[in-house]
Amino acid sequence: MGVTPPTPAPDSSSETFSASRWTQGNFLFPTRLVVSPLRVSRVKSRWFGSNDESIAISKIASVHISTGVLWAEIRIESTGGTDPITSHGHRKADAQRIRDLIERYQAQARV
């Protein structure tokens, strides 16, 4: 019988936003964006494991929100010129909340 180490508690100040299952590519495993004071992470689960990419809050250059009739796409670009984090199928209010959180965390880091 193996002993599994305890998993660390998620950061209490982070917020998680899940994409709608009704959008393309999100039916079985919806994409999640996790926004914390230190980083923004995009987590895409798979059958075996997950794909996780993140950008530090201090390295975010811009946040683009493209809205449709029902859903919004959010693109977070970094200052390093690497590939942006893109996620589609989020509610419009969630996309705006993500942008507001990023801007607030960046302002707090400057002080």
N, C-alpha and C. Protein backbone atom coordinates (compact mmCIF):
# COMPACT_ATOMS: atom_id res chain seq x y z
N MET A 1 0.85 -1.16 0.00
CA MET A 1 0.00 0.00 0.00
C MET A 1 0.90 1.23 0.00
N GLY A 2 0.73 2.11 -1.00
CA GLY A 2 1.56 3.31 -1.11
C GLY A 2 0.96 4.48 -0.35
N VAL A 3 1.82 5.36 0.01
CA VAL A 3 1.40 6.57 0.70
C VAL A 3 1.57 7.73 -0.28
N THR A 4 0.50 8.46 -0.49
CA THR A 4 0.58 9.61 -1.39
C THR A 4 0.83 10.86 -0.58
N PRO A 5 1.74 11.70 -1.03
CA PRO A 5 2.00 12.93 -0.29
C PRO A 5 0.81 13.87 -0.39
N PRO A 6 0.59 14.68 0.62
CA PRO A 6 -0.54 15.61 0.56
C PRO A 6 -0.32 16.64 -0.54
N THR A 7 -1.39 16.95 -1.23
CA THR A 7 -1.30 17.96 -2.28
C THR A 7 -1.40 19.34 -1.65
N PRO A 8 -0.60 20.28 -2.12
CA PRO A 8 -0.65 21.61 -1.54
C PRO A 8 -2.00 22.26 -1.81
N ALA A 9 -2.45 23.05 -0.85
CA ALA A 9 -3.73 23.75 -1.00
C ALA A 9 -3.60 24.80 -2.08
N PRO A 10 -4.62 24.96 -2.92
CA PRO A 10 -4.55 26.01 -3.94
C PRO A 10 -4.51 27.38 -3.29
N ASP A 11 -3.87 28.30 -3.98
CA ASP A 11 -3.76 29.67 -3.47
C ASP A 11 -5.15 30.24 -3.24
N SER A 12 -5.40 30.69 -2.02
CA SER A 12 -6.74 31.18 -1.69
C SER A 12 -7.08 32.47 -2.42
N SER A 13 -6.06 33.19 -2.89
CA SER A 13 -6.34 34.45 -3.59
C SER A 13 -6.47 34.26 -5.10
N SER A 14 -6.39 33.03 -5.58
CA SER A 14 -6.53 32.80 -7.02
C SER A 14 -7.99 32.55 -7.37
N GLU A 15 -8.34 32.89 -8.60
CA GLU A 15 -9.69 32.65 -9.11
C GLU A 15 -9.58 31.80 -10.37
N THR A 16 -10.50 30.85 -10.51
CA THR A 16 -10.51 29.95 -11.65
C THR A 16 -11.75 30.21 -12.50
N PHE A 17 -11.53 30.29 -13.81
CA PHE A 17 -12.61 30.54 -14.76
C PHE A 17 -12.62 29.40 -15.78
N SER A 18 -13.74 28.71 -15.89
CA SER A 18 -13.86 27.58 -16.82
C SER A 18 -14.62 27.99 -18.07
N ALA A 19 -14.17 27.47 -19.20
CA ALA A 19 -14.86 27.70 -20.46
C ALA A 19 -16.12 26.86 -20.51
N SER A 20 -17.06 27.27 -21.33
CA SER A 20 -18.30 26.52 -21.49
C SER A 20 -18.06 25.21 -22.22
N ARG A 21 -18.75 24.18 -21.78
CA ARG A 21 -18.66 22.88 -22.45
C ARG A 21 -19.33 22.90 -23.82
N TRP A 22 -20.12 23.92 -24.12
CA TRP A 22 -20.84 24.01 -25.39
C TRP A 22 -19.99 24.60 -26.51
N THR A 23 -18.74 24.94 -26.21
CA THR A 23 -17.88 25.52 -27.24
C THR A 23 -16.89 24.48 -27.76
N GLN A 24 -16.37 24.72 -28.95
CA GLN A 24 -15.49 23.76 -29.62
C GLN A 24 -14.24 23.48 -28.79
N GLY A 25 -13.93 22.20 -28.63
CA GLY A 25 -12.73 21.79 -27.92
C GLY A 25 -12.87 21.74 -26.41
N ASN A 26 -14.03 22.09 -25.88
CA ASN A 26 -14.22 22.13 -24.43
C ASN A 26 -15.27 21.15 -23.92
N PHE A 27 -15.75 20.24 -24.77
CA PHE A 27 -16.87 19.39 -24.38
C PHE A 27 -16.50 18.44 -23.24
N LEU A 28 -15.46 17.65 -23.41
CA LEU A 28 -15.07 16.71 -22.36
C LEU A 28 -14.21 17.36 -21.28
N PHE A 29 -13.27 18.17 -21.71
CA PHE A 29 -12.32 18.79 -20.78
C PHE A 29 -12.29 20.29 -21.01
N PRO A 30 -13.11 21.06 -20.33
CA PRO A 30 -13.12 22.50 -20.55
C PRO A 30 -11.82 23.16 -20.09
N THR A 31 -11.40 24.14 -20.84
CA THR A 31 -10.21 24.90 -20.51
C THR A 31 -10.48 25.75 -19.26
N ARG A 32 -9.47 25.84 -18.41
CA ARG A 32 -9.58 26.68 -17.20
C ARG A 32 -8.48 27.73 -17.22
N LEU A 33 -8.84 28.95 -16.86
CA LEU A 33 -7.87 30.01 -16.65
C LEU A 33 -7.82 30.28 -15.16
N VAL A 34 -6.62 30.22 -14.59
CA VAL A 34 -6.43 30.47 -13.16
C VAL A 34 -5.63 31.76 -13.02
N VAL A 35 -6.23 32.76 -12.38
CA VAL A 35 -5.59 34.06 -12.22
C VAL A 35 -5.23 34.22 -10.75
N SER A 36 -3.94 34.42 -10.48
CA SER A 36 -3.46 34.64 -9.12
C SER A 36 -2.60 35.90 -9.12
N PRO A 37 -2.22 36.39 -7.94
CA PRO A 37 -1.38 37.59 -7.90
C PRO A 37 -0.01 37.40 -8.55
N LEU A 38 0.43 36.16 -8.75
CA LEU A 38 1.75 35.91 -9.33
C LEU A 38 1.72 35.55 -10.81
N ARG A 39 0.67 34.85 -11.26
CA ARG A 39 0.66 34.37 -12.64
C ARG A 39 -0.75 34.12 -13.15
N VAL A 40 -0.85 33.99 -14.47
CA VAL A 40 -2.08 33.54 -15.13
C VAL A 40 -1.74 32.22 -15.79
N SER A 41 -2.52 31.18 -15.48
CA SER A 41 -2.28 29.85 -16.03
C SER A 41 -3.47 29.40 -16.85
N ARG A 42 -3.18 28.73 -17.97
CA ARG A 42 -4.21 28.09 -18.79
C ARG A 42 -4.01 26.59 -18.62
N VAL A 43 -5.03 25.92 -18.11
CA VAL A 43 -4.96 24.49 -17.86
C VAL A 43 -5.95 23.78 -18.76
N LYS A 44 -5.44 22.89 -19.59
CA LYS A 44 -6.27 22.09 -20.49
C LYS A 44 -6.06 20.63 -20.14
N SER A 45 -7.07 20.01 -19.55
CA SER A 45 -6.98 18.60 -19.16
C SER A 45 -7.05 17.70 -20.40
N ARG A 46 -6.50 16.51 -20.25
CA ARG A 46 -6.53 15.50 -21.30
C ARG A 46 -6.91 14.18 -20.64
N TRP A 47 -7.00 13.13 -21.45
CA TRP A 47 -7.31 11.82 -20.89
C TRP A 47 -6.24 11.40 -19.88
N PHE A 48 -4.98 11.65 -20.21
CA PHE A 48 -3.89 11.29 -19.31
C PHE A 48 -3.05 12.54 -19.07
N GLY A 49 -3.29 13.22 -17.97
CA GLY A 49 -2.53 14.41 -17.62
C GLY A 49 -3.22 15.69 -18.04
N SER A 50 -2.42 16.73 -18.13
CA SER A 50 -2.95 18.02 -18.54
C SER A 50 -1.85 18.85 -19.18
N ASN A 51 -2.25 19.89 -19.88
CA ASN A 51 -1.33 20.83 -20.50
C ASN A 51 -1.49 22.15 -19.76
N ASP A 52 -0.41 22.65 -19.19
CA ASP A 52 -0.47 23.86 -18.37
C ASP A 52 0.55 24.86 -18.88
N GLU A 53 0.10 26.07 -19.19
CA GLU A 53 1.01 27.13 -19.58
C GLU A 53 0.67 28.37 -18.77
N SER A 54 1.70 29.14 -18.43
CA SER A 54 1.45 30.30 -17.59
C SER A 54 2.34 31.46 -17.99
N ILE A 55 1.91 32.65 -17.61
CA ILE A 55 2.66 33.88 -17.80
C ILE A 55 2.64 34.62 -16.47
N ALA A 56 3.79 35.09 -16.03
CA ALA A 56 3.87 35.87 -14.80
C ALA A 56 3.11 37.18 -14.99
N ILE A 57 2.45 37.63 -13.94
CA ILE A 57 1.68 38.88 -14.00
C ILE A 57 2.56 40.04 -14.46
N SER A 58 3.81 40.08 -13.97
CA SER A 58 4.70 41.18 -14.33
C SER A 58 5.12 41.15 -15.80
N LYS A 59 4.95 40.01 -16.47
CA LYS A 59 5.35 39.86 -17.87
C LYS A 59 4.20 39.98 -18.86
N ILE A 60 2.99 40.29 -18.37
CA ILE A 60 1.84 40.43 -19.27
C ILE A 60 1.85 41.82 -19.90
N ALA A 61 1.82 41.85 -21.23
CA ALA A 61 1.84 43.11 -21.96
C ALA A 61 0.43 43.61 -22.26
N SER A 62 -0.46 42.69 -22.65
CA SER A 62 -1.81 43.14 -23.01
C SER A 62 -2.80 41.99 -22.88
N VAL A 63 -4.06 42.37 -22.74
CA VAL A 63 -5.17 41.41 -22.67
C VAL A 63 -6.19 41.83 -23.72
N HIS A 64 -6.47 40.94 -24.65
CA HIS A 64 -7.45 41.20 -25.71
C HIS A 64 -8.68 40.34 -25.46
N ILE A 65 -9.85 40.97 -25.54
CA ILE A 65 -11.11 40.24 -25.40
C ILE A 65 -11.89 40.42 -26.68
N SER A 66 -12.27 39.32 -27.30
CA SER A 66 -13.08 39.34 -28.51
C SER A 66 -14.41 38.69 -28.16
N THR A 67 -15.50 39.45 -28.26
CA THR A 67 -16.80 38.92 -27.85
C THR A 67 -17.64 38.56 -29.06
N GLY A 68 -18.44 37.52 -28.88
CA GLY A 68 -19.40 37.10 -29.88
C GLY A 68 -20.79 37.25 -29.32
N VAL A 69 -21.73 36.53 -29.88
CA VAL A 69 -23.11 36.62 -29.42
C VAL A 69 -23.24 36.06 -28.00
N LEU A 70 -22.64 34.90 -27.75
CA LEU A 70 -22.75 34.27 -26.44
C LEU A 70 -21.44 34.22 -25.67
N TRP A 71 -20.34 33.96 -26.37
CA TRP A 71 -19.08 33.68 -25.69
C TRP A 71 -18.01 34.68 -26.04
N ALA A 72 -16.96 34.68 -25.26
CA ALA A 72 -15.83 35.57 -25.50
C ALA A 72 -14.55 34.76 -25.61
N GLU A 73 -13.62 35.28 -26.40
CA GLU A 73 -12.28 34.72 -26.48
C GLU A 73 -11.33 35.71 -25.83
N ILE A 74 -10.42 35.20 -25.03
CA ILE A 74 -9.47 36.06 -24.35
C ILE A 74 -8.06 35.66 -24.77
N ARG A 75 -7.23 36.67 -25.09
CA ARG A 75 -5.84 36.43 -25.48
C ARG A 75 -4.95 37.28 -24.59
N ILE A 76 -4.03 36.63 -23.91
CA ILE A 76 -3.12 37.31 -22.98
C ILE A 76 -1.73 37.22 -23.58
N GLU A 77 -1.15 38.39 -23.90
CA GLU A 77 0.15 38.43 -24.54
C GLU A 77 1.22 38.83 -23.54
N SER A 78 2.41 38.25 -23.71
CA SER A 78 3.51 38.54 -22.80
C SER A 78 4.47 39.55 -23.42
N THR A 79 5.31 40.13 -22.57
CA THR A 79 6.30 41.09 -23.04
C THR A 79 7.47 40.41 -23.73
N GLY A 80 7.65 39.11 -23.51
CA GLY A 80 8.78 38.38 -24.08
C GLY A 80 8.60 37.98 -25.52
N GLY A 81 7.43 38.20 -26.08
CA GLY A 81 7.18 37.85 -27.47
C GLY A 81 6.89 36.38 -27.70
N THR A 82 6.69 35.62 -26.63
CA THR A 82 6.36 34.21 -26.79
C THR A 82 4.90 34.07 -27.21
N ASP A 83 4.47 32.84 -27.43
CA ASP A 83 3.08 32.60 -27.82
C ASP A 83 2.12 33.10 -26.74
N PRO A 84 1.07 33.78 -27.14
CA PRO A 84 0.10 34.25 -26.13
C PRO A 84 -0.75 33.10 -25.60
N ILE A 85 -1.33 33.31 -24.44
CA ILE A 85 -2.30 32.37 -23.90
C ILE A 85 -3.65 32.75 -24.49
N THR A 86 -4.28 31.81 -25.18
CA THR A 86 -5.58 32.06 -25.80
C THR A 86 -6.57 31.03 -25.29
N SER A 87 -7.76 31.50 -24.94
CA SER A 87 -8.82 30.61 -24.49
C SER A 87 -10.15 31.14 -24.98
N HIS A 88 -10.97 30.24 -25.53
CA HIS A 88 -12.27 30.66 -26.04
C HIS A 88 -13.37 29.92 -25.28
N GLY A 89 -14.58 30.47 -25.36
CA GLY A 89 -15.73 29.83 -24.74
C GLY A 89 -16.03 30.32 -23.34
N HIS A 90 -15.47 31.46 -22.95
CA HIS A 90 -15.74 32.01 -21.62
C HIS A 90 -16.91 32.99 -21.70
N ARG A 91 -17.61 33.13 -20.59
CA ARG A 91 -18.67 34.13 -20.54
C ARG A 91 -18.04 35.51 -20.64
N LYS A 92 -18.79 36.45 -21.19
CA LYS A 92 -18.26 37.81 -21.36
C LYS A 92 -17.88 38.43 -20.02
N ALA A 93 -18.72 38.22 -19.00
CA ALA A 93 -18.43 38.78 -17.68
C ALA A 93 -17.16 38.17 -17.09
N ASP A 94 -16.93 36.88 -17.35
CA ASP A 94 -15.71 36.24 -16.87
C ASP A 94 -14.48 36.82 -17.56
N ALA A 95 -14.56 37.05 -18.85
CA ALA A 95 -13.44 37.62 -19.59
C ALA A 95 -13.09 39.01 -19.06
N GLN A 96 -14.11 39.81 -18.78
CA GLN A 96 -13.86 41.14 -18.23
C GLN A 96 -13.29 41.05 -16.82
N ARG A 97 -13.75 40.09 -16.03
CA ARG A 97 -13.23 39.89 -14.67
C ARG A 97 -11.76 39.47 -14.72
N ILE A 98 -11.40 38.61 -15.67
CA ILE A 98 -10.01 38.19 -15.84
C ILE A 98 -9.14 39.41 -16.14
N ARG A 99 -9.58 40.24 -17.08
CA ARG A 99 -8.82 41.44 -17.43
C ARG A 99 -8.68 42.37 -16.23
N ASP A 100 -9.78 42.58 -15.49
CA ASP A 100 -9.73 43.46 -14.33
C ASP A 100 -8.79 42.94 -13.25
N LEU A 101 -8.81 41.62 -13.01
CA LEU A 101 -7.91 41.04 -12.02
C LEU A 101 -6.45 41.23 -12.42
N ILE A 102 -6.14 40.99 -13.69
CA ILE A 102 -4.76 41.16 -14.17
C ILE A 102 -4.32 42.60 -13.98
N GLU A 103 -5.16 43.55 -14.36
CA GLU A 103 -4.80 44.96 -14.22
C GLU A 103 -4.62 45.34 -12.76
N ARG A 104 -5.47 44.81 -11.88
CA ARG A 104 -5.35 45.12 -10.46
C ARG A 104 -4.06 44.53 -9.88
N TYR A 105 -3.74 43.29 -10.22
CA TYR A 105 -2.51 42.67 -9.72
C TYR A 105 -1.27 43.39 -10.25
N GLN A 106 -1.31 43.84 -11.49
CA GLN A 106 -0.18 44.59 -12.04
C GLN A 106 -0.02 45.93 -11.32
N ALA A 107 -1.12 46.60 -11.02
CA ALA A 107 -1.05 47.87 -10.30
C ALA A 107 -0.51 47.67 -8.89
N GLN A 108 -0.91 46.58 -8.23
CA GLN A 108 -0.41 46.30 -6.89
C GLN A 108 1.07 45.99 -6.90
N ALA A 109 1.56 45.36 -7.96
CA ALA A 109 2.97 45.02 -8.05
C ALA A 109 3.84 46.26 -8.25
N ARG A 110 3.29 47.29 -8.86
CA ARG A 110 4.05 48.53 -9.12
C ARG A 110 4.22 49.37 -7.85
N VAL A 111 3.32 49.18 -6.91
CA VAL A 111 3.37 50.02 -5.69
C VAL A 111 4.41 49.53 -4.73
